[in-house]
């Protein structure tokens, strides 16, 4: 009976430890995902800005060609 109780206690401790590690991994993953999303947002903003500037340059070139 004592061995059974020790075994169940050991299983409980191992289960608790593995859940704790999983929670840490999930939190770390969420932090990494947030960083990636911020970088993607910055890249999209820069891309849009470049697109606008390129359109402005094209318009100015067209105006120069007309002269």
PDB file of N, CA and C in Angstrom:
ATOM      1  N   UNK A   1       0.823  -1.193   0.000  1.00  0.00           N
ATOM      2  CA  UNK A   1       0.000   0.000   0.000  1.00  0.00           C
ATOM      3  C   UNK A   1       0.870   1.261   0.000  1.00  0.00           C
ATOM      4  N   UNK A   2       1.951   1.235   0.791  1.00  0.00           N
ATOM      5  CA  UNK A   2       2.829   2.400   0.851  1.00  0.00           C
ATOM      6  C   UNK A   2       3.496   2.640  -0.504  1.00  0.00           C
ATOM      7  N   UNK A   3       3.853   1.556  -1.160  1.00  0.00           N
ATOM      8  CA  UNK A   3       4.491   1.700  -2.475  1.00  0.00           C
ATOM      9  C   UNK A   3       3.520   2.322  -3.485  1.00  0.00           C
ATOM     10  N   UNK A   4       2.270   1.942  -3.395  1.00  0.00           N
ATOM     11  CA  UNK A   4       1.262   2.487  -4.306  1.00  0.00           C
ATOM     12  C   UNK A   4       1.098   3.985  -4.065  1.00  0.00           C
ATOM     13  N   UNK A   5       1.055   4.383  -2.813  1.00  0.00           N
ATOM     14  CA  UNK A   5       0.913   5.803  -2.477  1.00  0.00           C
ATOM     15  C   UNK A   5       2.139   6.575  -2.950  1.00  0.00           C
ATOM     16  N   UNK A   6       3.329   6.017  -2.762  1.00  0.00           N
ATOM     17  CA  UNK A   6       4.550   6.673  -3.212  1.00  0.00           C
ATOM     18  C   UNK A   6       4.547   6.813  -4.731  1.00  0.00           C
ATOM     19  N   UNK A   7       4.114   5.752  -5.407  1.00  0.00           N
ATOM     20  CA  UNK A   7       4.066   5.774  -6.859  1.00  0.00           C
ATOM     21  C   UNK A   7       3.084   6.847  -7.349  1.00  0.00           C
ATOM     22  N   UNK A   8       1.897   6.908  -6.780  1.00  0.00           N
ATOM     23  CA  UNK A   8       0.911   7.911  -7.177  1.00  0.00           C
ATOM     24  C   UNK A   8       1.415   9.326  -6.890  1.00  0.00           C
ATOM     25  N   UNK A   9       2.077   9.505  -5.770  1.00  0.00           N
ATOM     26  CA  UNK A   9       2.637  10.802  -5.422  1.00  0.00           C
ATOM     27  C   UNK A   9       3.709  11.205  -6.433  1.00  0.00           C
ATOM     28  N   UNK A  10       4.548  10.259  -6.817  1.00  0.00           N
ATOM     29  CA  UNK A  10       5.590  10.516  -7.805  1.00  0.00           C
ATOM     30  C   UNK A  10       4.981  10.888  -9.159  1.00  0.00           C
ATOM     31  N   UNK A  11       3.953  10.185  -9.572  1.00  0.00           N
ATOM     32  CA  UNK A  11       3.271  10.484 -10.827  1.00  0.00           C
ATOM     33  C   UNK A  11       2.660  11.877 -10.766  1.00  0.00           C
ATOM     34  N   UNK A  12       2.070  12.231  -9.644  1.00  0.00           N
ATOM     35  CA  UNK A  12       1.477  13.550  -9.475  1.00  0.00           C
ATOM     36  C   UNK A  12       2.533  14.645  -9.585  1.00  0.00           C
ATOM     37  N   UNK A  13       3.671  14.453  -8.961  1.00  0.00           N
ATOM     38  CA  UNK A  13       4.754  15.439  -9.008  1.00  0.00           C
ATOM     39  C   UNK A  13       5.283  15.584 -10.430  1.00  0.00           C
ATOM     40  N   UNK A  14       5.489  14.474 -11.116  1.00  0.00           N
ATOM     41  CA  UNK A  14       5.985  14.527 -12.498  1.00  0.00           C
ATOM     42  C   UNK A  14       4.973  15.228 -13.403  1.00  0.00           C
ATOM     43  N   UNK A  15       3.705  14.930 -13.207  1.00  0.00           N
ATOM     44  CA  UNK A  15       2.662  15.587 -13.990  1.00  0.00           C
ATOM     45  C   UNK A  15       2.631  17.078 -13.753  1.00  0.00           C
ATOM     46  N   UNK A  16       2.778  17.476 -12.514  1.00  0.00           N
ATOM     47  CA  UNK A  16       2.796  18.894 -12.165  1.00  0.00           C
ATOM     48  C   UNK A  16       3.990  19.589 -12.802  1.00  0.00           C
ATOM     49  N   UNK A  17       5.151  18.953 -12.745  1.00  0.00           N
ATOM     50  CA  UNK A  17       6.365  19.542 -13.313  1.00  0.00           C
ATOM     51  C   UNK A  17       6.229  19.695 -14.823  1.00  0.00           C
ATOM     52  N   UNK A  18       5.684  18.710 -15.487  1.00  0.00           N
ATOM     53  CA  UNK A  18       5.559  18.794 -16.943  1.00  0.00           C
ATOM     54  C   UNK A  18       4.554  19.861 -17.340  1.00  0.00           C
ATOM     55  N   UNK A  19       3.502  20.038 -16.582  1.00  0.00           N
ATOM     56  CA  UNK A  19       2.535  21.092 -16.882  1.00  0.00           C
ATOM     57  C   UNK A  19       3.170  22.468 -16.686  1.00  0.00           C
ATOM     58  N   UNK A  20       3.994  22.595 -15.676  1.00  0.00           N
ATOM     59  CA  UNK A  20       4.659  23.861 -15.418  1.00  0.00           C
ATOM     60  C   UNK A  20       5.570  24.230 -16.576  1.00  0.00           C
ATOM     61  N   UNK A  21       6.313  23.261 -17.072  1.00  0.00           N
ATOM     62  CA  UNK A  21       7.209  23.516 -18.191  1.00  0.00           C
ATOM     63  C   UNK A  21       6.411  23.882 -19.441  1.00  0.00           C
ATOM     64  N   UNK A  22       5.284  23.230 -19.640  1.00  0.00           N
ATOM     65  CA  UNK A  22       4.455  23.514 -20.804  1.00  0.00           C
ATOM     66  C   UNK A  22       3.930  24.942 -20.735  1.00  0.00           C
ATOM     67  N   UNK A  23       3.518  25.384 -19.555  1.00  0.00           N
ATOM     68  CA  UNK A  23       3.020  26.754 -19.406  1.00  0.00           C
ATOM     69  C   UNK A  23       4.119  27.757 -19.737  1.00  0.00           C
ATOM     70  N   UNK A  24       5.338  27.480 -19.308  1.00  0.00           N
ATOM     71  CA  UNK A  24       6.452  28.376 -19.617  1.00  0.00           C
ATOM     72  C   UNK A  24       6.690  28.427 -21.118  1.00  0.00           C
ATOM     73  N   UNK A  25       6.646  27.270 -21.756  1.00  0.00           N
ATOM     74  CA  UNK A  25       6.862  27.216 -23.199  1.00  0.00           C
ATOM     75  C   UNK A  25       5.769  27.977 -23.944  1.00  0.00           C
ATOM     76  N   UNK A  26       4.535  27.854 -23.486  1.00  0.00           N
ATOM     77  CA  UNK A  26       3.428  28.560 -24.129  1.00  0.00           C
ATOM     78  C   UNK A  26       3.608  30.062 -23.964  1.00  0.00           C
ATOM     79  N   UNK A  27       3.991  30.502 -22.773  1.00  0.00           N
ATOM     80  CA  UNK A  27       4.211  31.927 -22.542  1.00  0.00           C
ATOM     81  C   UNK A  27       5.347  32.453 -23.419  1.00  0.00           C
ATOM     82  N   UNK A  28       6.435  31.694 -23.522  1.00  0.00           N
ATOM     83  CA  UNK A  28       7.554  32.102 -24.361  1.00  0.00           C
ATOM     84  C   UNK A  28       7.133  32.151 -25.830  1.00  0.00           C
ATOM     85  N   UNK A  29       6.336  31.187 -26.243  1.00  0.00           N
ATOM     86  CA  UNK A  29       5.847  31.174 -27.623  1.00  0.00           C
ATOM     87  C   UNK A  29       4.974  32.392 -27.901  1.00  0.00           C
ATOM     88  N   UNK A  30       4.117  32.745 -26.955  1.00  0.00           N
ATOM     89  CA  UNK A  30       3.253  33.908 -27.126  1.00  0.00           C
ATOM     90  C   UNK A  30       4.072  35.188 -27.249  1.00  0.00           C
ATOM     91  N   UNK A  31       5.130  35.293 -26.450  1.00  0.00           N
ATOM     92  CA  UNK A  31       6.000  36.472 -26.530  1.00  0.00           C
ATOM     93  C   UNK A  31       6.655  36.536 -27.904  1.00  0.00           C
ATOM     94  N   UNK A  32       7.138  35.413 -28.396  1.00  0.00           N
ATOM     95  CA  UNK A  32       7.774  35.379 -29.714  1.00  0.00           C
ATOM     96  C   UNK A  32       6.771  35.722 -30.818  1.00  0.00           C
ATOM     97  N   UNK A  33       5.559  35.222 -30.692  1.00  0.00           N
ATOM     98  CA  UNK A  33       4.523  35.506 -31.690  1.00  0.00           C
ATOM     99  C   UNK A  33       4.208  36.994 -31.712  1.00  0.00           C
ATOM    100  N   UNK A  34       4.125  37.607 -30.530  1.00  0.00           N
ATOM    101  CA  UNK A  34       3.864  39.052 -30.468  1.00  0.00           C
ATOM    102  C   UNK A  34       4.986  39.841 -31.138  1.00  0.00           C
ATOM    103  N   UNK A  35       6.231  39.431 -30.915  1.00  0.00           N
ATOM    104  CA  UNK A  35       7.360  40.108 -31.545  1.00  0.00           C
ATOM    105  C   UNK A  35       7.274  39.988 -33.062  1.00  0.00           C
ATOM    106  N   UNK A  36       6.956  38.803 -33.531  1.00  0.00           N
ATOM    107  CA  UNK A  36       6.845  38.566 -34.976  1.00  0.00           C
ATOM    108  C   UNK A  36       5.725  39.413 -35.572  1.00  0.00           C
ATOM    109  N   UNK A  37       4.592  39.495 -34.871  1.00  0.00           N
ATOM    110  CA  UNK A  37       3.472  40.294 -35.373  1.00  0.00           C
ATOM    111  C   UNK A  37       3.842  41.771 -35.446  1.00  0.00           C
ATOM    112  N   UNK A  38       4.599  42.265 -34.454  1.00  0.00           N
ATOM    113  CA  UNK A  38       5.034  43.662 -34.488  1.00  0.00           C
ATOM    114  C   UNK A  38       5.948  43.904 -35.677  1.00  0.00           C
ATOM    115  N   UNK A  39       6.854  42.975 -35.931  1.00  0.00           N
ATOM    116  CA  UNK A  39       7.770  43.115 -37.067  1.00  0.00           C
ATOM    117  C   UNK A  39       6.995  43.083 -38.380  1.00  0.00           C
ATOM    118  N   UNK A  40       6.017  42.186 -38.486  1.00  0.00           N
ATOM    119  CA  UNK A  40       5.205  42.119 -39.700  1.00  0.00           C
ATOM    120  C   UNK A  40       4.453  43.430 -39.926  1.00  0.00           C
ATOM    121  N   UNK A  41       3.937  44.017 -38.851  1.00  0.00           N
ATOM    122  CA  UNK A  41       3.219  45.287 -38.971  1.00  0.00           C
ATOM    123  C   UNK A  41       4.163  46.382 -39.461  1.00  0.00           C
ATOM    124  N   UNK A  42       5.378  46.409 -38.935  1.00  0.00           N
ATOM    125  CA  UNK A  42       6.362  47.405 -39.374  1.00  0.00           C
ATOM    126  C   UNK A  42       6.722  47.206 -40.841  1.00  0.00           C
ATOM    127  N   UNK A  43       6.916  45.962 -41.244  1.00  0.00           N
ATOM    128  CA  UNK A  43       7.260  45.664 -42.639  1.00  0.00           C
ATOM    129  C   UNK A  43       6.116  46.099 -43.566  1.00  0.00           C
ATOM    130  N   UNK A  44       4.883  45.818 -43.160  1.00  0.00           N
ATOM    131  CA  UNK A  44       3.734  46.227 -43.975  1.00  0.00           C
ATOM    132  C   UNK A  44       3.662  47.744 -44.091  1.00  0.00           C
ATOM    133  N   UNK A  45       3.913  48.448 -42.995  1.00  0.00           N
ATOM    134  CA  UNK A  45       3.876  49.916 -43.015  1.00  0.00           C
ATOM    135  C   UNK A  45       4.963  50.462 -43.933  1.00  0.00           C
ATOM    136  N   UNK A  46       6.161  49.915 -43.817  1.00  0.00           N
ATOM    137  CA  UNK A  46       7.267  50.361 -44.675  1.00  0.00           C
ATOM    138  C   UNK A  46       6.950  50.075 -46.135  1.00  0.00           C
ATOM    139  N   UNK A  47       6.380  48.926 -46.402  1.00  0.00           N
ATOM    140  CA  UNK A  47       6.020  48.559 -47.769  1.00  0.00           C
ATOM    141  C   UNK A  47       4.988  49.532 -48.341  1.00  0.00           C
ATOM    142  N   UNK A  48       3.989  49.883 -47.544  1.00  0.00           N
ATOM    143  CA  UNK A  48       2.977  50.831 -47.999  1.00  0.00           C
ATOM    144  C   UNK A  48       3.597  52.204 -48.262  1.00  0.00           C
ATOM    145  N   UNK A  49       4.494  52.630 -47.367  1.00  0.00           N
ATOM    146  CA  UNK A  49       5.167  53.919 -47.552  1.00  0.00           C
ATOM    147  C   UNK A  49       5.990  53.926 -48.837  1.00  0.00           C
ATOM    148  N   UNK A  50       6.705  52.847 -49.090  1.00  0.00           N
ATOM    149  CA  UNK A  50       7.506  52.745 -50.316  1.00  0.00           C
ATOM    150  C   UNK A  50       6.616  52.773 -51.557  1.00  0.00           C
ATOM    151  N   UNK A  51       5.489  52.108 -51.467  1.00  0.00           N
ATOM    152  CA  UNK A  51       4.561  52.090 -52.594  1.00  0.00           C
ATOM    153  C   UNK A  51       4.045  53.498 -52.891  1.00  0.00           C
ATOM    154  N   UNK A  52       3.704  54.242 -51.839  1.00  0.00           N
ATOM    155  CA  UNK A  52       3.226  55.618 -52.029  1.00  0.00           C
ATOM    156  C   UNK A  52       4.322  56.490 -52.640  1.00  0.00           C
ATOM    157  N   UNK A  53       5.527  56.367 -52.135  1.00  0.00           N
ATOM    158  CA  UNK A  53       6.634  57.155 -52.667  1.00  0.00           C
ATOM    159  C   UNK A  53       6.911  56.806 -54.125  1.00  0.00           C
ATOM    160  N   UNK A  54       6.827  55.538 -54.441  1.00  0.00           N
ATOM    161  CA  UNK A  54       7.069  55.129 -55.819  1.00  0.00           C
ATOM    162  C   UNK A  54       5.999  55.703 -56.738  1.00  0.00           C
ATOM    163  N   UNK A  55       4.762  55.740 -56.300  1.00  0.00           N
ATOM    164  CA  UNK A  55       3.689  56.336 -57.098  1.00  0.00           C
ATOM    165  C   UNK A  55       3.933  57.831 -57.307  1.00  0.00           C
ATOM    166  N   UNK A  56       4.377  58.503 -56.238  1.00  0.00           N
ATOM    167  CA  UNK A  56       4.672  59.938 -56.354  1.00  0.00           C
ATOM    168  C   UNK A  56       5.800  60.186 -57.349  1.00  0.00           C
ATOM    169  N   UNK A  57       6.828  59.365 -57.287  1.00  0.00           N
ATOM    170  CA  UNK A  57       7.955  59.508 -58.213  1.00  0.00           C
ATOM    171  C   UNK A  57       7.503  59.262 -59.650  1.00  0.00           C
ATOM    172  N   UNK A  58       6.696  58.238 -59.836  1.00  0.00           N
ATOM    173  CA  UNK A  58       6.178  57.958 -61.183  1.00  0.00           C
ATOM    174  C   UNK A  58       5.361  59.135 -61.715  1.00  0.00           C
ATOM    175  N   UNK A  59       4.527  59.706 -60.857  1.00  0.00           N
ATOM    176  CA  UNK A  59       3.711  60.852 -61.278  1.00  0.00           C
ATOM    177  C   UNK A  59       4.597  62.035 -61.663  1.00  0.00           C
ATOM    178  N   UNK A  60       5.630  62.284 -60.895  1.00  0.00           N
ATOM    179  CA  UNK A  60       6.542  63.388 -61.198  1.00  0.00           C
ATOM    180  C   UNK A  60       7.304  63.145 -62.497  1.00  0.00           C
ATOM    181  N   UNK A  61       7.710  61.909 -62.718  1.00  0.00           N
ATOM    182  CA  UNK A  61       8.396  61.565 -63.976  1.00  0.00           C
ATOM    183  C   UNK A  61       7.470  61.765 -65.161  1.00  0.00           C
ATOM    184  N   UNK A  62       6.223  61.363 -65.004  1.00  0.00           N
ATOM    185  CA  UNK A  62       5.244  61.568 -66.088  1.00  0.00           C
ATOM    186  C   UNK A  62       5.068  63.046 -66.379  1.00  0.00           C
ATOM    187  N   UNK A  63       5.040  63.875 -65.345  1.00  0.00           N
ATOM    188  CA  UNK A  63       4.902  65.317 -65.541  1.00  0.00           C
ATOM    189  C   UNK A  63       6.119  65.877 -66.275  1.00  0.00           C
ATOM    190  N   UNK A  64       7.309  65.375 -65.916  1.00  0.00           N
ATOM    191  CA  UNK A  64       8.535  65.838 -66.583  1.00  0.00           C
ATOM    192  C   UNK A  64       8.554  65.420 -68.051  1.00  0.00           C
ATOM    193  N   UNK A  65       8.073  64.224 -68.337  1.00  0.00           N
ATOM    194  CA  UNK A  65       8.048  63.761 -69.725  1.00  0.00           C
ATOM    195  C   UNK A  65       7.095  64.600 -70.577  1.00  0.00           C
ATOM    196  N   UNK A  66       6.041  65.092 -69.959  1.00  0.00           N
ATOM    197  CA  UNK A  66       5.072  65.907 -70.692  1.00  0.00           C
ATOM    198  C   UNK A  66       5.657  67.273 -71.059  1.00  0.00           C
ATOM    199  N   UNK A  67       6.639  67.726 -70.292  1.00  0.00           N
ATOM    200  CA  UNK A  67       7.230  69.032 -70.596  1.00  0.00           C
ATOM    201  C   UNK A  67       8.138  68.909 -71.742  1.00  0.00           C
TER     202      UNK A  67
END
